[in-house]
Amino acid sequence: MDREFGGEKWLEWLDQKGVDYVVRVKINTIVDGRHAHQYSSTRNKKGGHPRHNVWGLDVFFSCKSISCKGRRDERLYVISNRFSGKELLELYQLRWGIELLFSHLKKRGFHLESTHMIEAKKLEKLFALVSLAFLFSFAWGCELRSTRKLTQALKRKSIFRQGLEDILRLLNNPHLEDKERHAFTDWLKSPSWPNIFVV
């Protein structure tokens, strides 16, 4: 979870329910009576991983420097009720994949945030359709990357974006050669789509 999802009552409730969590905390979070930013990197600490007091909770704490392109270096501060040390930091880094997925489902892809639907059943169906559309786009992008020669411009695009744009090109241009359409339909009809499991 990102920083805005922290909080004593929420994390305590997750712990009581047996839910393991990894959450980033703010720079001014008090860890054992000191601000988080007063701790140096914990990546190479030896001698086990002691638990710390954060918001009255008994948790593991890790921090390290992170580089941000075009910005000054920042530090990452993370707590967990179960994971510690290097594993804790690595698990939090997996969250970046979720951020990319959200950006593709929203402003960089399907504009999911623009829907005016509020009924739960309709939203559930919409989420299912958009999720499938993402999987097909990503998988077709993987197929294109592995079977076609790419220009430098295409290489700069994300796999998802490349797949989505090519599917839209095929659907919106009836004058295209059958050969191009058949490559896509043959891929759709294949008994398995190995590339989809990359997701």
N, C-alpha and C. Protein backbone atom coordinates (compact mmCIF):
# COMPACT_ATOMS: atom_id res chain seq x y z
N MET A 1 0.84 -1.19 0.00
CA MET A 1 0.00 0.00 0.00
C MET A 1 0.88 1.23 0.00
N ASP A 2 0.35 2.29 -0.59
CA ASP A 2 1.07 3.55 -0.61
C ASP A 2 0.83 4.32 0.68
N ARG A 3 1.48 5.45 0.82
CA ARG A 3 1.50 6.20 2.07
C ARG A 3 0.12 6.61 2.57
N GLU A 4 -0.81 6.93 1.64
CA GLU A 4 -2.12 7.40 2.09
C GLU A 4 -2.97 6.31 2.73
N PHE A 5 -2.53 5.04 2.64
CA PHE A 5 -3.32 3.94 3.21
C PHE A 5 -2.85 3.53 4.60
N GLY A 6 -1.90 4.27 5.16
CA GLY A 6 -1.42 3.95 6.49
C GLY A 6 -2.40 4.42 7.55
N GLY A 7 -2.14 4.02 8.79
CA GLY A 7 -3.02 4.43 9.90
C GLY A 7 -3.17 3.30 10.89
N GLU A 8 -3.12 3.67 12.17
CA GLU A 8 -3.11 2.66 13.23
C GLU A 8 -4.32 1.73 13.21
N LYS A 9 -5.53 2.30 13.17
CA LYS A 9 -6.73 1.47 13.26
C LYS A 9 -6.86 0.52 12.07
N TRP A 10 -6.57 1.05 10.89
CA TRP A 10 -6.67 0.25 9.67
C TRP A 10 -5.69 -0.92 9.70
N LEU A 11 -4.42 -0.65 10.03
CA LEU A 11 -3.41 -1.71 10.04
C LEU A 11 -3.64 -2.70 11.17
N GLU A 12 -4.13 -2.19 12.29
CA GLU A 12 -4.46 -3.08 13.41
C GLU A 12 -5.59 -4.03 13.03
N TRP A 13 -6.58 -3.51 12.30
CA TRP A 13 -7.70 -4.34 11.84
C TRP A 13 -7.21 -5.42 10.87
N LEU A 14 -6.32 -5.05 9.93
CA LEU A 14 -5.76 -6.02 8.99
C LEU A 14 -5.02 -7.13 9.73
N ASP A 15 -4.25 -6.73 10.75
CA ASP A 15 -3.49 -7.70 11.53
C ASP A 15 -4.42 -8.66 12.27
N GLN A 16 -5.48 -8.14 12.84
CA GLN A 16 -6.45 -8.97 13.56
C GLN A 16 -7.14 -9.97 12.63
N LYS A 17 -7.32 -9.57 11.38
CA LYS A 17 -7.97 -10.44 10.39
C LYS A 17 -6.99 -11.42 9.75
N GLY A 18 -5.71 -11.35 10.16
CA GLY A 18 -4.71 -12.26 9.60
C GLY A 18 -4.23 -11.87 8.22
N VAL A 19 -4.38 -10.59 7.86
CA VAL A 19 -3.95 -10.11 6.55
C VAL A 19 -2.53 -9.55 6.68
N ASP A 20 -1.61 -10.10 5.89
CA ASP A 20 -0.24 -9.59 5.88
C ASP A 20 -0.20 -8.32 5.03
N TYR A 21 0.48 -7.32 5.49
CA TYR A 21 0.55 -6.08 4.74
C TYR A 21 1.97 -5.55 4.63
N VAL A 22 2.19 -4.77 3.58
CA VAL A 22 3.42 -4.01 3.37
C VAL A 22 2.94 -2.61 3.00
N VAL A 23 3.35 -1.62 3.76
CA VAL A 23 2.86 -0.27 3.51
C VAL A 23 3.99 0.75 3.64
N ARG A 24 4.03 1.67 2.68
CA ARG A 24 5.00 2.75 2.72
C ARG A 24 4.52 3.80 3.74
N VAL A 25 5.45 4.35 4.51
CA VAL A 25 5.08 5.38 5.49
C VAL A 25 5.78 6.68 5.15
N LYS A 26 5.26 7.76 5.70
CA LYS A 26 5.78 9.09 5.40
C LYS A 26 7.10 9.35 6.12
N ILE A 27 7.80 10.34 5.62
CA ILE A 27 9.12 10.70 6.12
C ILE A 27 9.11 11.10 7.60
N ASN A 28 7.97 11.66 8.04
CA ASN A 28 7.89 12.12 9.42
C ASN A 28 7.22 11.13 10.37
N THR A 29 7.00 9.90 9.92
CA THR A 29 6.43 8.86 10.77
C THR A 29 7.39 8.56 11.92
N ILE A 30 6.85 8.43 13.11
CA ILE A 30 7.67 8.15 14.29
C ILE A 30 7.91 6.65 14.40
N VAL A 31 9.18 6.26 14.35
CA VAL A 31 9.59 4.85 14.47
C VAL A 31 10.48 4.74 15.71
N ASP A 32 9.97 4.08 16.74
CA ASP A 32 10.70 3.96 18.01
C ASP A 32 11.14 5.32 18.55
N GLY A 33 10.26 6.31 18.47
CA GLY A 33 10.56 7.62 19.05
C GLY A 33 11.38 8.54 18.16
N ARG A 34 11.75 8.10 16.95
CA ARG A 34 12.53 8.93 16.03
C ARG A 34 11.79 9.03 14.70
N HIS A 35 12.00 10.14 14.01
CA HIS A 35 11.41 10.27 12.68
C HIS A 35 12.05 9.24 11.74
N ALA A 36 11.26 8.74 10.79
CA ALA A 36 11.75 7.72 9.86
C ALA A 36 12.99 8.20 9.12
N HIS A 37 13.04 9.49 8.75
CA HIS A 37 14.17 9.99 7.96
C HIS A 37 15.49 10.02 8.75
N GLN A 38 15.42 9.80 10.06
CA GLN A 38 16.63 9.78 10.87
C GLN A 38 17.34 8.43 10.82
N TYR A 39 16.69 7.46 10.19
CA TYR A 39 17.30 6.14 10.05
C TYR A 39 18.09 6.07 8.75
N SER A 40 19.26 5.46 8.82
CA SER A 40 20.02 5.21 7.60
C SER A 40 19.46 3.95 6.95
N SER A 41 19.99 3.56 5.81
CA SER A 41 19.51 2.38 5.10
C SER A 41 19.56 1.15 5.98
N THR A 42 18.54 0.32 5.91
CA THR A 42 18.49 -0.92 6.68
C THR A 42 18.77 -2.13 5.81
N ARG A 43 19.14 -1.92 4.54
CA ARG A 43 19.27 -3.04 3.60
C ARG A 43 20.34 -4.04 4.00
N ASN A 44 21.46 -3.54 4.51
CA ASN A 44 22.59 -4.44 4.78
C ASN A 44 22.80 -4.69 6.27
N LYS A 45 21.78 -4.44 7.07
CA LYS A 45 21.91 -4.67 8.50
C LYS A 45 22.03 -6.15 8.79
N LYS A 46 22.89 -6.47 9.73
CA LYS A 46 23.06 -7.87 10.13
C LYS A 46 22.52 -8.07 11.54
N GLY A 47 22.40 -9.30 11.93
CA GLY A 47 21.97 -9.59 13.28
C GLY A 47 20.47 -9.63 13.45
N GLY A 48 19.78 -10.09 12.43
CA GLY A 48 18.34 -10.25 12.53
C GLY A 48 17.59 -8.96 12.22
N HIS A 49 16.30 -9.02 12.32
CA HIS A 49 15.45 -7.88 12.01
C HIS A 49 14.53 -7.61 13.19
N PRO A 50 14.93 -6.70 14.06
CA PRO A 50 14.10 -6.40 15.24
C PRO A 50 12.80 -5.73 14.83
N ARG A 51 11.81 -5.87 15.67
CA ARG A 51 10.53 -5.21 15.43
C ARG A 51 10.59 -3.81 16.03
N HIS A 52 9.75 -2.93 15.47
CA HIS A 52 9.75 -1.53 15.87
C HIS A 52 8.34 -1.10 16.25
N ASN A 53 8.27 0.00 16.98
CA ASN A 53 6.98 0.56 17.37
C ASN A 53 6.64 1.72 16.43
N VAL A 54 5.56 1.53 15.66
CA VAL A 54 5.05 2.56 14.76
C VAL A 54 3.55 2.68 15.02
N TRP A 55 3.09 3.86 15.43
CA TRP A 55 1.68 4.10 15.77
C TRP A 55 1.17 3.13 16.83
N GLY A 56 2.06 2.69 17.70
CA GLY A 56 1.67 1.76 18.75
C GLY A 56 1.59 0.32 18.27
N LEU A 57 1.98 0.07 17.03
CA LEU A 57 1.96 -1.28 16.45
C LEU A 57 3.36 -1.88 16.47
N ASP A 58 3.43 -3.17 16.66
CA ASP A 58 4.70 -3.90 16.67
C ASP A 58 4.96 -4.40 15.26
N VAL A 59 5.84 -3.72 14.51
CA VAL A 59 6.03 -4.03 13.09
C VAL A 59 7.51 -4.08 12.72
N PHE A 60 7.77 -4.62 11.52
CA PHE A 60 9.11 -4.57 10.94
C PHE A 60 9.23 -3.26 10.15
N PHE A 61 10.45 -2.72 10.11
CA PHE A 61 10.69 -1.46 9.43
C PHE A 61 11.93 -1.58 8.56
N SER A 62 11.84 -1.09 7.32
CA SER A 62 13.00 -1.07 6.43
C SER A 62 13.01 0.24 5.67
N CYS A 63 14.22 0.68 5.29
CA CYS A 63 14.32 1.89 4.48
C CYS A 63 15.53 1.79 3.56
N LYS A 64 15.49 2.55 2.48
CA LYS A 64 16.62 2.62 1.55
C LYS A 64 16.45 3.84 0.66
N SER A 65 17.53 4.22 0.00
CA SER A 65 17.49 5.32 -0.96
C SER A 65 16.96 4.80 -2.29
N ILE A 66 16.18 5.63 -2.96
CA ILE A 66 15.68 5.26 -4.29
C ILE A 66 15.96 6.41 -5.25
N SER A 67 16.26 6.08 -6.48
CA SER A 67 16.53 7.09 -7.50
C SER A 67 15.28 7.32 -8.31
N CYS A 68 14.96 8.56 -8.53
CA CYS A 68 13.80 8.93 -9.34
C CYS A 68 14.28 9.72 -10.54
N LYS A 69 13.97 9.26 -11.72
CA LYS A 69 14.43 9.90 -12.94
C LYS A 69 13.96 11.36 -12.99
N GLY A 70 14.92 12.26 -13.19
CA GLY A 70 14.59 13.67 -13.31
C GLY A 70 14.28 14.37 -12.01
N ARG A 71 14.41 13.64 -10.90
CA ARG A 71 14.13 14.23 -9.60
C ARG A 71 15.27 13.91 -8.65
N ARG A 72 15.31 14.63 -7.53
CA ARG A 72 16.34 14.34 -6.55
C ARG A 72 16.09 12.97 -5.93
N ASP A 73 17.15 12.39 -5.40
CA ASP A 73 17.01 11.08 -4.76
C ASP A 73 16.03 11.17 -3.59
N GLU A 74 15.27 10.13 -3.41
CA GLU A 74 14.34 10.06 -2.30
C GLU A 74 14.68 8.84 -1.47
N ARG A 75 13.98 8.72 -0.36
CA ARG A 75 14.15 7.54 0.49
C ARG A 75 12.82 6.84 0.63
N LEU A 76 12.90 5.54 0.74
CA LEU A 76 11.71 4.70 0.87
C LEU A 76 11.66 4.16 2.29
N TYR A 77 10.53 4.35 2.97
CA TYR A 77 10.32 3.85 4.34
C TYR A 77 9.12 2.94 4.32
N VAL A 78 9.30 1.69 4.75
CA VAL A 78 8.25 0.68 4.63
C VAL A 78 8.11 -0.10 5.93
N ILE A 79 6.87 -0.42 6.30
CA ILE A 79 6.62 -1.26 7.47
C ILE A 79 5.77 -2.47 7.07
N SER A 80 5.84 -3.51 7.89
CA SER A 80 5.04 -4.71 7.63
C SER A 80 4.80 -5.45 8.94
N ASN A 81 3.68 -6.15 9.01
CA ASN A 81 3.40 -6.97 10.19
C ASN A 81 4.01 -8.36 10.08
N ARG A 82 4.53 -8.71 8.90
CA ARG A 82 5.09 -10.05 8.72
C ARG A 82 6.47 -10.07 8.08
N PHE A 83 6.68 -9.26 7.06
CA PHE A 83 7.91 -9.33 6.27
C PHE A 83 8.95 -8.36 6.80
N SER A 84 10.22 -8.72 6.61
CA SER A 84 11.28 -7.87 7.14
C SER A 84 12.46 -7.79 6.17
N GLY A 85 13.35 -6.83 6.45
CA GLY A 85 14.60 -6.70 5.71
C GLY A 85 14.43 -6.55 4.22
N LYS A 86 15.28 -7.25 3.48
CA LYS A 86 15.32 -7.17 2.03
C LYS A 86 14.00 -7.63 1.40
N GLU A 87 13.40 -8.67 1.99
CA GLU A 87 12.13 -9.18 1.46
C GLU A 87 11.04 -8.11 1.51
N LEU A 88 11.01 -7.35 2.59
CA LEU A 88 10.02 -6.29 2.75
C LEU A 88 10.16 -5.24 1.65
N LEU A 89 11.39 -4.82 1.38
CA LEU A 89 11.64 -3.82 0.34
C LEU A 89 11.30 -4.36 -1.05
N GLU A 90 11.65 -5.62 -1.30
CA GLU A 90 11.38 -6.23 -2.61
C GLU A 90 9.88 -6.37 -2.86
N LEU A 91 9.15 -6.73 -1.81
CA LEU A 91 7.69 -6.87 -1.96
C LEU A 91 7.05 -5.53 -2.28
N TYR A 92 7.52 -4.48 -1.64
CA TYR A 92 6.94 -3.16 -1.92
C TYR A 92 7.22 -2.74 -3.36
N GLN A 93 8.39 -3.10 -3.88
CA GLN A 93 8.74 -2.72 -5.25
C GLN A 93 7.80 -3.36 -6.27
N LEU A 94 7.21 -4.51 -5.93
CA LEU A 94 6.26 -5.15 -6.84
C LEU A 94 5.04 -4.27 -7.09
N ARG A 95 4.79 -3.34 -6.15
CA ARG A 95 3.65 -2.47 -6.27
C ARG A 95 3.71 -1.60 -7.53
N TRP A 96 4.91 -1.36 -8.04
CA TRP A 96 5.04 -0.53 -9.23
C TRP A 96 4.30 -1.14 -10.41
N GLY A 97 4.27 -2.46 -10.49
CA GLY A 97 3.52 -3.13 -11.55
C GLY A 97 2.03 -2.83 -11.45
N ILE A 98 1.53 -2.72 -10.22
CA ILE A 98 0.12 -2.39 -10.02
C ILE A 98 -0.15 -0.96 -10.49
N GLU A 99 0.78 -0.06 -10.18
CA GLU A 99 0.63 1.34 -10.62
C GLU A 99 0.57 1.43 -12.15
N LEU A 100 1.42 0.66 -12.82
CA LEU A 100 1.41 0.66 -14.29
C LEU A 100 0.10 0.12 -14.83
N LEU A 101 -0.41 -0.95 -14.20
CA LEU A 101 -1.69 -1.51 -14.61
C LEU A 101 -2.79 -0.46 -14.47
N PHE A 102 -2.84 0.22 -13.32
CA PHE A 102 -3.86 1.23 -13.11
C PHE A 102 -3.77 2.35 -14.16
N SER A 103 -2.54 2.76 -14.49
CA SER A 103 -2.39 3.83 -15.48
C SER A 103 -2.89 3.38 -16.85
N HIS A 104 -2.69 2.10 -17.19
CA HIS A 104 -3.17 1.58 -18.47
C HIS A 104 -4.70 1.45 -18.47
N LEU A 105 -5.27 1.11 -17.33
CA LEU A 105 -6.72 1.00 -17.27
C LEU A 105 -7.38 2.37 -17.27
N LYS A 106 -6.62 3.37 -16.83
CA LYS A 106 -7.20 4.71 -16.74
C LYS A 106 -6.67 5.61 -17.86
N LYS A 107 -5.98 6.69 -17.53
CA LYS A 107 -5.68 7.74 -18.51
C LYS A 107 -4.77 7.32 -19.65
N ARG A 108 -3.93 6.29 -19.48
CA ARG A 108 -3.02 5.91 -20.56
C ARG A 108 -3.57 4.76 -21.39
N GLY A 109 -4.84 4.44 -21.20
CA GLY A 109 -5.40 3.33 -21.97
C GLY A 109 -6.90 3.45 -22.16
N PHE A 110 -7.66 2.92 -21.20
CA PHE A 110 -9.11 2.78 -21.37
C PHE A 110 -9.94 3.88 -20.71
N HIS A 111 -9.32 4.80 -20.04
CA HIS A 111 -10.03 5.92 -19.40
C HIS A 111 -11.18 5.44 -18.50
N LEU A 112 -10.88 4.45 -17.70
CA LEU A 112 -11.89 3.86 -16.82
C LEU A 112 -12.47 4.89 -15.85
N GLU A 113 -11.65 5.88 -15.46
CA GLU A 113 -12.12 6.88 -14.50
C GLU A 113 -13.19 7.79 -15.08
N SER A 114 -13.40 7.75 -16.40
CA SER A 114 -14.39 8.63 -17.04
C SER A 114 -15.79 8.06 -17.01
N THR A 115 -15.95 6.85 -16.52
CA THR A 115 -17.29 6.26 -16.51
C THR A 115 -18.20 7.00 -15.54
N HIS A 116 -19.48 7.05 -15.90
CA HIS A 116 -20.48 7.66 -15.02
C HIS A 116 -21.31 6.59 -14.32
N MET A 117 -20.94 5.34 -14.50
CA MET A 117 -21.68 4.25 -13.87
C MET A 117 -21.49 4.29 -12.35
N ILE A 118 -22.55 3.99 -11.62
CA ILE A 118 -22.44 3.92 -10.17
C ILE A 118 -23.04 2.62 -9.61
N GLU A 119 -23.80 1.92 -10.44
CA GLU A 119 -24.43 0.68 -9.99
C GLU A 119 -23.37 -0.43 -9.92
N ALA A 120 -23.31 -1.11 -8.79
CA ALA A 120 -22.26 -2.10 -8.52
C ALA A 120 -22.20 -3.21 -9.58
N LYS A 121 -23.35 -3.73 -9.98
CA LYS A 121 -23.38 -4.84 -10.96
C LYS A 121 -22.81 -4.39 -12.30
N LYS A 122 -23.17 -3.19 -12.71
CA LYS A 122 -22.68 -2.67 -13.99
C LYS A 122 -21.18 -2.39 -13.92
N LEU A 123 -20.74 -1.85 -12.80
CA LEU A 123 -19.30 -1.59 -12.63
C LEU A 123 -18.51 -2.89 -12.63
N GLU A 124 -19.07 -3.91 -12.02
CA GLU A 124 -18.40 -5.21 -11.99
C GLU A 124 -18.20 -5.74 -13.41
N LYS A 125 -19.21 -5.62 -14.24
CA LYS A 125 -19.11 -6.08 -15.64
C LYS A 125 -18.11 -5.23 -16.42
N LEU A 126 -18.15 -3.92 -16.17
CA LEU A 126 -17.21 -3.02 -16.84
C LEU A 126 -15.77 -3.37 -16.48
N PHE A 127 -15.50 -3.59 -15.19
CA PHE A 127 -14.15 -3.95 -14.74
C PHE A 127 -13.70 -5.26 -15.39
N ALA A 128 -14.63 -6.21 -15.50
CA ALA A 128 -14.29 -7.50 -16.12
C ALA A 128 -13.92 -7.30 -17.59
N LEU A 129 -14.71 -6.50 -18.32
CA LEU A 129 -14.43 -6.27 -19.74
C LEU A 129 -13.11 -5.53 -19.94
N VAL A 130 -12.87 -4.51 -19.13
CA VAL A 130 -11.64 -3.75 -19.26
C VAL A 130 -10.43 -4.61 -18.90
N SER A 131 -10.58 -5.48 -17.91
CA SER A 131 -9.48 -6.38 -17.53
C SER A 131 -9.14 -7.33 -18.67
N LEU A 132 -10.17 -7.87 -19.31
CA LEU A 132 -9.94 -8.76 -20.46
C LEU A 132 -9.30 -7.99 -21.62
N ALA A 133 -9.78 -6.78 -21.86
CA ALA A 133 -9.21 -5.96 -22.93
C ALA A 133 -7.74 -5.68 -22.66
N PHE A 134 -7.41 -5.43 -21.40
CA PHE A 134 -6.00 -5.20 -21.04
C PHE A 134 -5.17 -6.45 -21.32
N LEU A 135 -5.67 -7.60 -20.89
CA LEU A 135 -4.93 -8.86 -21.10
C LEU A 135 -4.70 -9.13 -22.58
N PHE A 136 -5.74 -8.95 -23.39
CA PHE A 136 -5.58 -9.18 -24.83
C PHE A 136 -4.59 -8.19 -25.44
N SER A 137 -4.68 -6.94 -25.04
CA SER A 137 -3.77 -5.92 -25.57
C SER A 137 -2.33 -6.22 -25.18
N PHE A 138 -2.13 -6.54 -23.92
CA PHE A 138 -0.78 -6.84 -23.45
C PHE A 138 -0.22 -8.08 -24.13
N ALA A 139 -1.04 -9.12 -24.22
CA ALA A 139 -0.59 -10.37 -24.84
C ALA A 139 -0.28 -10.18 -26.32
N TRP A 140 -1.12 -9.41 -27.03
CA TRP A 140 -0.86 -9.16 -28.44
C TRP A 140 0.41 -8.32 -28.60
N GLY A 141 0.63 -7.40 -27.68
CA GLY A 141 1.88 -6.63 -27.69
C GLY A 141 3.09 -7.52 -27.52
N CYS A 142 2.99 -8.51 -26.63
CA CYS A 142 4.07 -9.49 -26.45
C CYS A 142 4.31 -10.28 -27.73
N GLU A 143 3.23 -10.65 -28.39
CA GLU A 143 3.32 -11.39 -29.65
C GLU A 143 4.03 -10.55 -30.72
N LEU A 144 3.67 -9.29 -30.82
CA LEU A 144 4.29 -8.40 -31.79
C LEU A 144 5.79 -8.23 -31.50
N ARG A 145 6.11 -8.09 -30.22
CA ARG A 145 7.52 -7.90 -29.85
C ARG A 145 8.37 -9.12 -30.20
N SER A 146 7.76 -10.29 -30.10
CA SER A 146 8.54 -11.51 -30.32
C SER A 146 8.55 -11.98 -31.78
N THR A 147 7.67 -11.44 -32.62
CA THR A 147 7.57 -11.95 -34.00
C THR A 147 7.85 -10.92 -35.09
N ARG A 148 7.94 -9.64 -34.73
CA ARG A 148 8.12 -8.61 -35.76
C ARG A 148 9.33 -7.74 -35.47
N LYS A 149 9.87 -7.20 -36.56
CA LYS A 149 10.98 -6.26 -36.42
C LYS A 149 10.40 -4.91 -36.03
N LEU A 150 10.93 -4.33 -34.98
CA LEU A 150 10.38 -3.09 -34.45
C LEU A 150 11.25 -1.89 -34.78
N THR A 151 10.59 -0.79 -35.07
CA THR A 151 11.31 0.47 -35.26
C THR A 151 11.67 1.03 -33.88
N GLN A 152 12.55 2.02 -33.85
CA GLN A 152 12.92 2.64 -32.58
C GLN A 152 11.71 3.28 -31.91
N ALA A 153 10.82 3.86 -32.71
CA ALA A 153 9.62 4.49 -32.16
C ALA A 153 8.73 3.46 -31.46
N LEU A 154 8.59 2.29 -32.06
CA LEU A 154 7.77 1.23 -31.45
C LEU A 154 8.42 0.68 -30.19
N LYS A 155 9.73 0.59 -30.20
CA LYS A 155 10.43 0.08 -29.02
C LYS A 155 10.24 0.98 -27.81
N ARG A 156 10.01 2.26 -28.07
CA ARG A 156 9.82 3.19 -26.96
C ARG A 156 8.43 3.07 -26.35
N LYS A 157 7.51 2.46 -27.07
CA LYS A 157 6.15 2.29 -26.54
C LYS A 157 6.10 1.10 -25.59
N SER A 158 5.17 1.15 -24.65
CA SER A 158 5.00 0.02 -23.74
C SER A 158 4.41 -1.16 -24.51
N ILE A 159 4.59 -2.35 -24.01
CA ILE A 159 4.04 -3.56 -24.66
C ILE A 159 2.52 -3.43 -24.77
N PHE A 160 1.89 -2.96 -23.69
CA PHE A 160 0.44 -2.78 -23.69
C PHE A 160 0.01 -1.81 -24.79
N ARG A 161 0.67 -0.65 -24.84
CA ARG A 161 0.30 0.39 -25.81
C ARG A 161 0.47 -0.10 -27.24
N GLN A 162 1.54 -0.84 -27.46
CA GLN A 162 1.79 -1.36 -28.81
C GLN A 162 0.69 -2.34 -29.21
N GLY A 163 0.31 -3.21 -28.29
CA GLY A 163 -0.75 -4.18 -28.58
C GLY A 163 -2.09 -3.51 -28.81
N LEU A 164 -2.44 -2.57 -27.93
CA LEU A 164 -3.72 -1.87 -28.04
C LEU A 164 -3.82 -1.10 -29.35
N GLU A 165 -2.79 -0.35 -29.68
CA GLU A 165 -2.83 0.46 -30.91
C GLU A 165 -2.91 -0.41 -32.15
N ASP A 166 -2.24 -1.57 -32.12
CA ASP A 166 -2.30 -2.44 -33.30
C ASP A 166 -3.68 -3.08 -33.45
N ILE A 167 -4.30 -3.45 -32.33
CA ILE A 167 -5.65 -4.02 -32.39
C ILE A 167 -6.62 -2.96 -32.92
N LEU A 168 -6.50 -1.73 -32.44
CA LEU A 168 -7.36 -0.65 -32.93
C LEU A 168 -7.13 -0.39 -34.41
N ARG A 169 -5.89 -0.46 -34.84
CA ARG A 169 -5.56 -0.27 -36.26
C ARG A 169 -6.23 -1.34 -37.11
N LEU A 170 -6.19 -2.59 -36.65
CA LEU A 170 -6.79 -3.69 -37.40
C LEU A 170 -8.31 -3.57 -37.46
N LEU A 171 -8.92 -3.10 -36.37
CA LEU A 171 -10.38 -3.00 -36.32
C LEU A 171 -10.90 -1.80 -37.10
N ASN A 172 -10.13 -0.73 -37.15
CA ASN A 172 -10.60 0.52 -37.76
C ASN A 172 -10.22 0.72 -39.22
N ASN A 173 -9.50 -0.24 -39.78
CA ASN A 173 -9.05 -0.08 -41.17
C ASN A 173 -9.41 -1.31 -42.00
N PRO A 174 -10.64 -1.35 -42.53
CA PRO A 174 -11.10 -2.51 -43.30
C PRO A 174 -10.31 -2.74 -44.59
N HIS A 175 -9.56 -1.72 -45.05
CA HIS A 175 -8.84 -1.83 -46.31
C HIS A 175 -7.50 -2.57 -46.14
N LEU A 176 -7.12 -2.92 -44.92
CA LEU A 176 -5.83 -3.60 -44.71
C LEU A 176 -5.80 -4.96 -45.40
N GLU A 177 -4.62 -5.40 -45.72
CA GLU A 177 -4.47 -6.70 -46.37
C GLU A 177 -4.94 -7.81 -45.45
N ASP A 178 -5.52 -8.85 -46.06
CA ASP A 178 -6.02 -9.99 -45.28
C ASP A 178 -4.90 -10.65 -44.48
N LYS A 179 -3.70 -10.57 -45.01
CA LYS A 179 -2.57 -11.21 -44.33
C LYS A 179 -2.40 -10.66 -42.92
N GLU A 180 -2.55 -9.36 -42.77
CA GLU A 180 -2.39 -8.75 -41.45
C GLU A 180 -3.51 -9.18 -40.52
N ARG A 181 -4.73 -9.19 -41.05
CA ARG A 181 -5.87 -9.59 -40.22
C ARG A 181 -5.77 -11.05 -39.81
N HIS A 182 -5.32 -11.89 -40.74
CA HIS A 182 -5.22 -13.32 -40.44
C HIS A 182 -4.20 -13.60 -39.35
N ALA A 183 -3.13 -12.82 -39.30
CA ALA A 183 -2.12 -13.02 -38.25
C ALA A 183 -2.76 -12.85 -36.88
N PHE A 184 -3.64 -11.85 -36.76
CA PHE A 184 -4.30 -11.59 -35.48
C PHE A 184 -5.37 -12.64 -35.18
N THR A 185 -6.22 -12.94 -36.18
CA THR A 185 -7.29 -13.91 -35.94
C THR A 185 -6.73 -15.31 -35.70
N ASP A 186 -5.65 -15.67 -36.38
CA ASP A 186 -5.02 -16.97 -36.13
C ASP A 186 -4.49 -17.04 -34.70
N TRP A 187 -3.94 -15.92 -34.25
CA TRP A 187 -3.43 -15.87 -32.87
C TRP A 187 -4.59 -16.02 -31.88
N LEU A 188 -5.73 -15.36 -32.19
CA LEU A 188 -6.90 -15.46 -31.32
C LEU A 188 -7.45 -16.89 -31.26
N LYS A 189 -7.38 -17.57 -32.41
CA LYS A 189 -7.94 -18.93 -32.49
C LYS A 189 -7.00 -20.00 -31.98
N SER A 190 -5.76 -19.63 -31.71
CA SER A 190 -4.79 -20.64 -31.27
C SER A 190 -5.25 -21.23 -29.93
N PRO A 191 -4.96 -22.52 -29.70
CA PRO A 191 -5.45 -23.19 -28.49
C PRO A 191 -4.93 -22.58 -27.19
N SER A 192 -3.81 -21.91 -27.27
CA SER A 192 -3.28 -21.25 -26.06
C SER A 192 -2.53 -20.00 -26.47
N TRP A 193 -2.49 -19.06 -25.57
CA TRP A 193 -1.77 -17.81 -25.80
C TRP A 193 -0.64 -17.73 -24.76
N PRO A 194 0.52 -18.33 -25.05
CA PRO A 194 1.59 -18.35 -24.06
C PRO A 194 1.94 -16.96 -23.54
N ASN A 195 1.90 -15.96 -24.41
CA ASN A 195 2.30 -14.62 -23.99
C ASN A 195 1.41 -14.02 -22.92
N ILE A 196 0.16 -14.46 -22.86
CA ILE A 196 -0.76 -13.87 -21.89
C ILE A 196 -0.32 -14.20 -20.46
N PHE A 197 0.42 -15.28 -20.31
CA PHE A 197 0.84 -15.67 -18.96
C PHE A 197 2.01 -14.82 -18.47
N VAL A 198 2.57 -13.99 -19.33
CA VAL A 198 3.60 -13.05 -18.88
C VAL A 198 2.98 -12.07 -17.90
N VAL A 199 1.69 -11.77 -18.10
CA VAL A 199 0.98 -10.84 -17.22
C VAL A 199 0.92 -11.43 -15.83
